[in-house]
Structures are given as C-alpha cells and as structure tokens.
Amino acid sequence: MPRGRYSLHDPHDHTPLGEEHFHCATGPSGWRYVSQLTAPAGDHAGSVDLTLDDLGRPIRLQLHAASWQVRGAALDGVTWVRTDPTGEHATEGNAAAHAFTGASPAFYVALARLLRPAPGEGAKRIRLVGFTPPALAPRTFDQAWALVARTPHSTDNGVLMVDEYQVSDLETGEQHSVHLAGDVVLAAPGVELEELESPPSSFE
C-alpha cells in the first residue's frame, strides 16, 4: 500500500500551494486513495477520498477544501452534491461526463486507470467535471489522453514501469506530460513526489 507525500505548487509561477499526505491501495473491487492536505504554513487545508471500481469508474468521491465539501459518484453520467461552508446550502449537480478531476494527483491515476490507452494507440477523449479548491466549484470540460512512452526503470525492488502520458485540454489546446508508476504520480504539472514509503501498486 503506497504511502507518501506530494508537494503542490502553481504550475505557472511555482508558488507553493502546500502538501498532500496520501495512502492508496488496490483491492479486488478497485482502488482507493485517501489524503490530507496542508497549506504552506502547515495548517490543515482539506482532504480527498476517492474510490474507483475495477473498471476505473468513480464510485465514491469526497472532497473538502476551505470548509466547502463535494460528494460525488458515477451515476447517470456523474452526479455530485456541493455543500457551502455554513452547511446550510447544498447544491446538486449532474453532467453527461465520464469522471471527476481536480487538483489532487489522485485524479491523474484515476483517469489513466479509466482510459487505459495503449502505446501508439492515439489519444482518447474524455469529458470531465473538475473541482478546484478553495471553492470546489464544478467545471465541465474535455481532455484527451495519449500514452506516449512506457519505460522500464531498475529499482531495489525490481523493474518499475513508468508510463508517460500526454494530456491535452481540448478547449485551450494546452498540453502537458504526466509520469505514472502504477498508482503513484512521479511528475506532473504542479506536483512533485517528495516521499514514498513503499513501492507503487501495479494494476492488473
């Protein structure tokens, strides 16, 4: 069960945004990722709890940030409830999308698991609902994912396969690379893996 720490920063000006302390695990029914977020000063800043089924679909999502809360799942597309900091107002939402995304590195793993592009296959398009802290307001947009390289790396625990994905925002045309090893993000815009206590889990 991988456990570790990501540092988060603004991908444009590299302003530190804090850290995400995580653990995740594969199981017979899918994959679960749980994390706690801290601000640059060390204060608690939120949490992520994401569970996927064995096909990579989000069967449960819980996000907290700045007292805002989102609960969601893949249901008639994707469905969610967003609650304000006072807890008095909850807004339900639904979109004809395939999955959720957001600031957490968990979503890179989740989308790679859902799409599973093969090397040389070309890009796969996906419609997403994204929630960005601190307000976690929903935004629907399209991305395309392509697996551009799969490279073996020797480690103390054997050979580790690292996948490089090219991710394209189909609205802006912006592209970036994401490097994954199993269920751990090695590098992505705004994300750096700082600590990893155990090797990544591999998906069958």
C-alpha atoms as a PDB file:
ATOM      1  CA  MET A   1       0.000   0.000   0.000  1.00  0.00           C
ATOM      2  CA  PRO A   2       1.851   3.110  -1.186  1.00  0.00           C
ATOM      3  CA  ARG A   3       2.071   5.899   1.355  1.00  0.00           C
ATOM      4  CA  GLY A   4       3.877   9.179   0.837  1.00  0.00           C
ATOM      5  CA  ARG A   5       3.835  12.911   0.325  1.00  0.00           C
ATOM      6  CA  TYR A   6       3.403  15.172  -2.686  1.00  0.00           C
ATOM      7  CA  SER A   7       4.344  18.841  -2.750  1.00  0.00           C
ATOM      8  CA  LEU A   8       1.936  21.026  -4.716  1.00  0.00           C
ATOM      9  CA  HIS A   9       2.704  24.309  -6.444  1.00  0.00           C
ATOM     10  CA  ASP A  10       1.211  26.618  -9.046  1.00  0.00           C
ATOM     11  CA  PRO A  11       2.336  25.169 -12.413  1.00  0.00           C
ATOM     12  CA  HIS A  12       2.705  28.644 -13.903  1.00  0.00           C
ATOM     13  CA  ASP A  13       4.617  30.698 -11.320  1.00  0.00           C
ATOM     14  CA  HIS A  14       5.663  27.843  -8.964  1.00  0.00           C
ATOM     15  CA  THR A  15       4.073  29.436  -5.906  1.00  0.00           C
ATOM     16  CA  PRO A  16       3.946  26.747  -3.175  1.00  0.00           C
ATOM     17  CA  LEU A  17       0.387  25.563  -2.514  1.00  0.00           C
ATOM     18  CA  GLY A  18       1.109  23.070   0.255  1.00  0.00           C
ATOM     19  CA  GLU A  19       1.476  19.328   0.594  1.00  0.00           C
ATOM     20  CA  GLU A  20      -0.693  16.243   0.182  1.00  0.00           C
ATOM     21  CA  HIS A  21      -0.045  13.294   2.511  1.00  0.00           C
ATOM     22  CA  PHE A  22      -1.572  10.209   0.937  1.00  0.00           C
ATOM     23  CA  HIS A  23      -2.033   6.470   1.029  1.00  0.00           C
ATOM     24  CA  CYS A  24      -3.695   4.309  -1.587  1.00  0.00           C
ATOM     25  CA  ALA A  25      -4.347   0.655  -2.243  1.00  0.00           C
ATOM     26  CA  THR A  26      -5.636  -1.706  -4.885  1.00  0.00           C
ATOM     27  CA  GLY A  27      -8.151  -4.389  -3.995  1.00  0.00           C
ATOM     28  CA  PRO A  28     -10.475  -6.919  -5.600  1.00  0.00           C
ATOM     29  CA  SER A  29     -13.123  -4.244  -6.122  1.00  0.00           C
ATOM     30  CA  GLY A  30     -10.876  -1.473  -7.449  1.00  0.00           C
ATOM     31  CA  TRP A  31      -8.658   1.255  -5.947  1.00  0.00           C
ATOM     32  CA  ARG A  32      -8.938   3.735  -3.090  1.00  0.00           C
ATOM     33  CA  TYR A  33      -6.946   6.902  -2.419  1.00  0.00           C
ATOM     34  CA  VAL A  34      -7.123   8.916   0.808  1.00  0.00           C
ATOM     35  CA  SER A  35      -5.169  12.076   1.583  1.00  0.00           C
ATOM     36  CA  GLN A  36      -4.914  15.068   3.894  1.00  0.00           C
ATOM     37  CA  LEU A  37      -3.833  18.447   2.536  1.00  0.00           C
ATOM     38  CA  THR A  38      -1.809  21.063   4.372  1.00  0.00           C
ATOM     39  CA  ALA A  39      -1.223  24.720   3.473  1.00  0.00           C
ATOM     40  CA  PRO A  40       2.342  26.067   3.081  1.00  0.00           C
ATOM     41  CA  ALA A  41       2.251  27.180   6.728  1.00  0.00           C
ATOM     42  CA  GLY A  42       1.311  23.659   7.801  1.00  0.00           C
ATOM     43  CA  ASP A  43      -2.363  24.271   8.566  1.00  0.00           C
ATOM     44  CA  HIS A  44      -4.958  21.686   7.556  1.00  0.00           C
ATOM     45  CA  ALA A  45      -6.323  22.643   4.125  1.00  0.00           C
ATOM     46  CA  GLY A  46      -8.631  19.826   3.087  1.00  0.00           C
ATOM     47  CA  SER A  47      -8.900  16.164   2.210  1.00  0.00           C
ATOM     48  CA  VAL A  48      -9.513  13.768  -0.668  1.00  0.00           C
ATOM     49  CA  ASP A  49     -11.196  10.355  -0.561  1.00  0.00           C
ATOM     50  CA  LEU A  50     -11.624   8.679  -3.956  1.00  0.00           C
ATOM     51  CA  THR A  51     -12.743   5.109  -4.659  1.00  0.00           C
ATOM     52  CA  LEU A  52     -12.740   3.523  -8.120  1.00  0.00           C
ATOM     53  CA  ASP A  53     -14.324   0.272  -9.236  1.00  0.00           C
ATOM     54  CA  ASP A  54     -12.281  -2.316 -11.122  1.00  0.00           C
ATOM     55  CA  LEU A  55     -13.006  -0.535 -14.427  1.00  0.00           C
ATOM     56  CA  GLY A  56     -11.712   2.793 -13.109  1.00  0.00           C
ATOM     57  CA  ARG A  57     -15.097   4.454 -12.664  1.00  0.00           C
ATOM     58  CA  PRO A  58     -15.512   6.758  -9.648  1.00  0.00           C
ATOM     59  CA  ILE A  59     -17.927   5.033  -7.287  1.00  0.00           C
ATOM     60  CA  ARG A  60     -17.298   7.488  -4.447  1.00  0.00           C
ATOM     61  CA  LEU A  61     -15.655  10.908  -4.199  1.00  0.00           C
ATOM     62  CA  GLN A  62     -15.401  13.144  -1.144  1.00  0.00           C
ATOM     63  CA  LEU A  63     -13.522  16.435  -1.295  1.00  0.00           C
ATOM     64  CA  HIS A  64     -13.062  19.049   1.433  1.00  0.00           C
ATOM     65  CA  ALA A  65     -11.433  22.466   0.955  1.00  0.00           C
ATOM     66  CA  ALA A  66     -11.886  25.742   2.837  1.00  0.00           C
ATOM     67  CA  SER A  67     -14.966  24.262   4.542  1.00  0.00           C
ATOM     68  CA  TRP A  68     -16.573  23.514   1.161  1.00  0.00           C
ATOM     69  CA  GLN A  69     -17.498  19.892   0.576  1.00  0.00           C
ATOM     70  CA  VAL A  70     -18.265  17.807  -2.500  1.00  0.00           C
ATOM     71  CA  ARG A  71     -19.623  14.264  -2.581  1.00  0.00           C
ATOM     72  CA  GLY A  72     -19.957  12.560  -5.936  1.00  0.00           C
ATOM     73  CA  ALA A  73     -20.228   9.300  -7.870  1.00  0.00           C
ATOM     74  CA  ALA A  74     -20.653   7.947 -11.381  1.00  0.00           C
ATOM     75  CA  LEU A  75     -24.443   7.932 -11.672  1.00  0.00           C
ATOM     76  CA  ASP A  76     -26.321   8.940 -14.855  1.00  0.00           C
ATOM     77  CA  GLY A  77     -23.011  10.323 -16.057  1.00  0.00           C
ATOM     78  CA  VAL A  78     -21.566  11.886 -12.913  1.00  0.00           C
ATOM     79  CA  THR A  79     -23.618  13.285 -10.049  1.00  0.00           C
ATOM     80  CA  TRP A  80     -22.489  15.346  -7.066  1.00  0.00           C
ATOM     81  CA  VAL A  81     -23.647  17.419  -4.107  1.00  0.00           C
ATOM     82  CA  ARG A  82     -21.703  20.545  -3.139  1.00  0.00           C
ATOM     83  CA  THR A  83     -22.196  21.973   0.348  1.00  0.00           C
ATOM     84  CA  ASP A  84     -21.238  25.513   1.410  1.00  0.00           C
ATOM     85  CA  PRO A  85     -19.040  26.300   4.451  1.00  0.00           C
ATOM     86  CA  THR A  86     -22.044  27.008   6.677  1.00  0.00           C
ATOM     87  CA  GLY A  87     -23.534  23.605   5.915  1.00  0.00           C
ATOM     88  CA  GLU A  88     -26.902  25.223   5.292  1.00  0.00           C
ATOM     89  CA  HIS A  89     -26.988  25.111   1.499  1.00  0.00           C
ATOM     90  CA  ALA A  90     -26.370  22.070  -0.686  1.00  0.00           C
ATOM     91  CA  THR A  91     -26.459  22.179  -4.473  1.00  0.00           C
ATOM     92  CA  GLU A  92     -26.940  19.052  -6.532  1.00  0.00           C
ATOM     93  CA  GLY A  93     -25.350  18.699  -9.936  1.00  0.00           C
ATOM     94  CA  ASN A  94     -25.259  16.216 -12.784  1.00  0.00           C
ATOM     95  CA  ALA A  95     -23.367  16.151 -16.074  1.00  0.00           C
ATOM     96  CA  ALA A  96     -23.075  13.811 -19.017  1.00  0.00           C
ATOM     97  CA  ALA A  97     -19.402  13.220 -18.201  1.00  0.00           C
ATOM     98  CA  HIS A  98     -17.240  10.157 -17.575  1.00  0.00           C
ATOM     99  CA  ALA A  99     -15.305  11.062 -14.421  1.00  0.00           C
ATOM    100  CA  PHE A 100     -14.164  13.731 -11.988  1.00  0.00           C
ATOM    101  CA  THR A 101     -10.905  15.624 -11.795  1.00  0.00           C
ATOM    102  CA  GLY A 102      -9.301  18.242  -9.587  1.00  0.00           C
ATOM    103  CA  ALA A 103      -6.064  19.442  -8.047  1.00  0.00           C
ATOM    104  CA  SER A 104      -5.144  16.147  -6.356  1.00  0.00           C
ATOM    105  CA  PRO A 105      -2.616  13.814  -8.008  1.00  0.00           C
ATOM    106  CA  ALA A 106      -5.179  11.058  -7.366  1.00  0.00           C
ATOM    107  CA  PHE A 107      -7.118  12.151 -10.428  1.00  0.00           C
ATOM    108  CA  TYR A 108      -4.191  11.512 -12.778  1.00  0.00           C
ATOM    109  CA  VAL A 109      -4.056   7.902 -11.605  1.00  0.00           C
ATOM    110  CA  ALA A 110      -7.836   7.588 -11.792  1.00  0.00           C
ATOM    111  CA  LEU A 111      -8.055   8.871 -15.369  1.00  0.00           C
ATOM    112  CA  ALA A 112      -5.192   6.719 -16.589  1.00  0.00           C
ATOM    113  CA  ARG A 113      -6.938   3.743 -15.000  1.00  0.00           C
ATOM    114  CA  LEU A 114     -10.273   4.601 -16.603  1.00  0.00           C
ATOM    115  CA  LEU A 115      -8.933   5.275 -20.108  1.00  0.00           C
ATOM    116  CA  ARG A 116      -6.086   2.734 -20.276  1.00  0.00           C
ATOM    117  CA  PRO A 117      -4.655   3.971 -23.582  1.00  0.00           C
ATOM    118  CA  ALA A 118      -2.135   1.622 -25.196  1.00  0.00           C
ATOM    119  CA  PRO A 119       1.225   2.785 -26.581  1.00  0.00           C
ATOM    120  CA  GLY A 120       0.800   4.057 -30.130  1.00  0.00           C
ATOM    121  CA  GLU A 121      -2.975   3.838 -29.928  1.00  0.00           C
ATOM    122  CA  GLY A 122      -3.556   7.569 -30.221  1.00  0.00           C
ATOM    123  CA  ALA A 123      -5.355   9.911 -27.894  1.00  0.00           C
ATOM    124  CA  LYS A 124      -8.556   9.018 -26.059  1.00  0.00           C
ATOM    125  CA  ARG A 125     -11.047  11.789 -25.425  1.00  0.00           C
ATOM    126  CA  ILE A 126     -12.901  12.143 -22.130  1.00  0.00           C
ATOM    127  CA  ARG A 127     -15.415  14.594 -20.658  1.00  0.00           C
ATOM    128  CA  LEU A 128     -14.711  15.584 -17.050  1.00  0.00           C
ATOM    129  CA  VAL A 129     -16.207  17.568 -14.197  1.00  0.00           C
ATOM    130  CA  GLY A 130     -13.423  19.337 -12.312  1.00  0.00           C
ATOM    131  CA  PHE A 131     -13.483  20.724  -8.776  1.00  0.00           C
ATOM    132  CA  THR A 132     -10.752  23.219  -7.918  1.00  0.00           C
ATOM    133  CA  PRO A 133     -10.012  24.439  -4.380  1.00  0.00           C
ATOM    134  CA  PRO A 134     -10.753  26.510  -2.452  1.00  0.00           C
ATOM    135  CA  ALA A 135     -14.416  26.833  -3.540  1.00  0.00           C
ATOM    136  CA  LEU A 136     -14.711  23.451  -5.344  1.00  0.00           C
ATOM    137  CA  ALA A 137     -16.983  24.967  -7.982  1.00  0.00           C
ATOM    138  CA  PRO A 138     -17.719  22.463 -10.779  1.00  0.00           C
ATOM    139  CA  ARG A 139     -16.486  22.958 -14.336  1.00  0.00           C
ATOM    140  CA  THR A 140     -17.157  20.597 -17.242  1.00  0.00           C
ATOM    141  CA  PHE A 141     -14.513  20.260 -19.946  1.00  0.00           C
ATOM    142  CA  ASP A 142     -12.886  17.785 -22.328  1.00  0.00           C
ATOM    143  CA  GLN A 143      -9.406  16.295 -22.287  1.00  0.00           C
ATOM    144  CA  ALA A 144      -7.510  13.867 -24.498  1.00  0.00           C
ATOM    145  CA  TRP A 145      -5.026  11.335 -23.108  1.00  0.00           C
ATOM    146  CA  ALA A 146      -2.341   9.510 -25.071  1.00  0.00           C
ATOM    147  CA  LEU A 147       0.272   7.059 -23.764  1.00  0.00           C
ATOM    148  CA  VAL A 148       3.458   8.207 -25.486  1.00  0.00           C
ATOM    149  CA  ALA A 149       6.098   6.088 -23.719  1.00  0.00           C
ATOM    150  CA  ARG A 150       6.443   3.112 -21.381  1.00  0.00           C
ATOM    151  CA  THR A 151       9.924   2.845 -19.904  1.00  0.00           C
ATOM    152  CA  PRO A 152      11.378   0.232 -17.508  1.00  0.00           C
ATOM    153  CA  HIS A 153      13.441   1.543 -14.590  1.00  0.00           C
ATOM    154  CA  SER A 154      15.562  -0.660 -12.343  1.00  0.00           C
ATOM    155  CA  THR A 155      14.967  -0.222  -8.604  1.00  0.00           C
ATOM    156  CA  ASP A 156      15.913  -2.049  -5.396  1.00  0.00           C
ATOM    157  CA  ASN A 157      12.530  -3.785  -5.607  1.00  0.00           C
ATOM    158  CA  GLY A 158      12.841  -4.893  -9.222  1.00  0.00           C
ATOM    159  CA  VAL A 159      11.854  -3.296 -12.506  1.00  0.00           C
ATOM    160  CA  LEU A 160       9.419  -0.391 -12.304  1.00  0.00           C
ATOM    161  CA  MET A 161       7.418   0.510 -15.409  1.00  0.00           C
ATOM    162  CA  VAL A 162       6.942   4.260 -15.865  1.00  0.00           C
ATOM    163  CA  ASP A 163       4.219   5.482 -18.208  1.00  0.00           C
ATOM    164  CA  GLU A 164       4.370   8.927 -19.800  1.00  0.00           C
ATOM    165  CA  TYR A 165       1.027  10.386 -20.850  1.00  0.00           C
ATOM    166  CA  GLN A 166       0.406  13.467 -22.966  1.00  0.00           C
ATOM    167  CA  VAL A 167      -2.698  15.242 -21.688  1.00  0.00           C
ATOM    168  CA  SER A 168      -4.398  17.856 -23.875  1.00  0.00           C
ATOM    169  CA  ASP A 169      -7.042  20.377 -22.855  1.00  0.00           C
ATOM    170  CA  LEU A 170      -9.356  20.348 -25.866  1.00  0.00           C
ATOM    171  CA  GLU A 171     -10.744  23.776 -25.021  1.00  0.00           C
ATOM    172  CA  THR A 172      -7.449  25.671 -24.832  1.00  0.00           C
ATOM    173  CA  GLY A 173      -5.123  23.361 -26.763  1.00  0.00           C
ATOM    174  CA  GLU A 174      -2.719  23.343 -23.817  1.00  0.00           C
ATOM    175  CA  GLN A 175      -0.699  20.140 -23.401  1.00  0.00           C
ATOM    176  CA  HIS A 176       1.324  18.691 -20.544  1.00  0.00           C
ATOM    177  CA  SER A 177       3.032  15.449 -19.576  1.00  0.00           C
ATOM    178  CA  VAL A 178       2.189  13.154 -16.671  1.00  0.00           C
ATOM    179  CA  HIS A 179       4.513  10.376 -15.489  1.00  0.00           C
ATOM    180  CA  LEU A 180       2.958   7.500 -13.537  1.00  0.00           C
ATOM    181  CA  ALA A 181       4.346   4.347 -11.969  1.00  0.00           C
ATOM    182  CA  GLY A 182       1.428   2.138 -11.036  1.00  0.00           C
ATOM    183  CA  ASP A 183      -0.770   4.189  -8.716  1.00  0.00           C
ATOM    184  CA  VAL A 184       1.820   6.860  -7.898  1.00  0.00           C
ATOM    185  CA  VAL A 185       2.412  10.127  -9.769  1.00  0.00           C
ATOM    186  CA  LEU A 186       6.140  10.642 -10.326  1.00  0.00           C
ATOM    187  CA  ALA A 187       5.840  14.004 -12.074  1.00  0.00           C
ATOM    188  CA  ALA A 188       3.039  16.246 -13.343  1.00  0.00           C
ATOM    189  CA  PRO A 189       2.366  19.992 -13.614  1.00  0.00           C
ATOM    190  CA  GLY A 190       2.269  21.421 -10.107  1.00  0.00           C
ATOM    191  CA  VAL A 191       3.037  18.049  -8.499  1.00  0.00           C
ATOM    192  CA  GLU A 192       6.289  16.617  -7.121  1.00  0.00           C
ATOM    193  CA  LEU A 193       6.636  13.314  -5.272  1.00  0.00           C
ATOM    194  CA  GLU A 194       8.679  14.102  -2.164  1.00  0.00           C
ATOM    195  CA  GLU A 195       8.416  10.873  -0.157  1.00  0.00           C
ATOM    196  CA  LEU A 196       7.294   7.310  -0.869  1.00  0.00           C
ATOM    197  CA  GLU A 197       7.440   4.717   1.906  1.00  0.00           C
ATOM    198  CA  SER A 198       6.610   1.653  -0.196  1.00  0.00           C
ATOM    199  CA  PRO A 199       6.633   0.780  -3.907  1.00  0.00           C
ATOM    200  CA  PRO A 200       3.664   1.687  -6.112  1.00  0.00           C
ATOM    201  CA  SER A 201       0.913  -0.843  -6.586  1.00  0.00           C
ATOM    202  CA  SER A 202       0.566  -2.286 -10.061  1.00  0.00           C
ATOM    203  CA  PHE A 203      -2.794  -2.615 -11.757  1.00  0.00           C
ATOM    204  CA  GLU A 204      -3.543  -5.957 -13.369  1.00  0.00           C
END
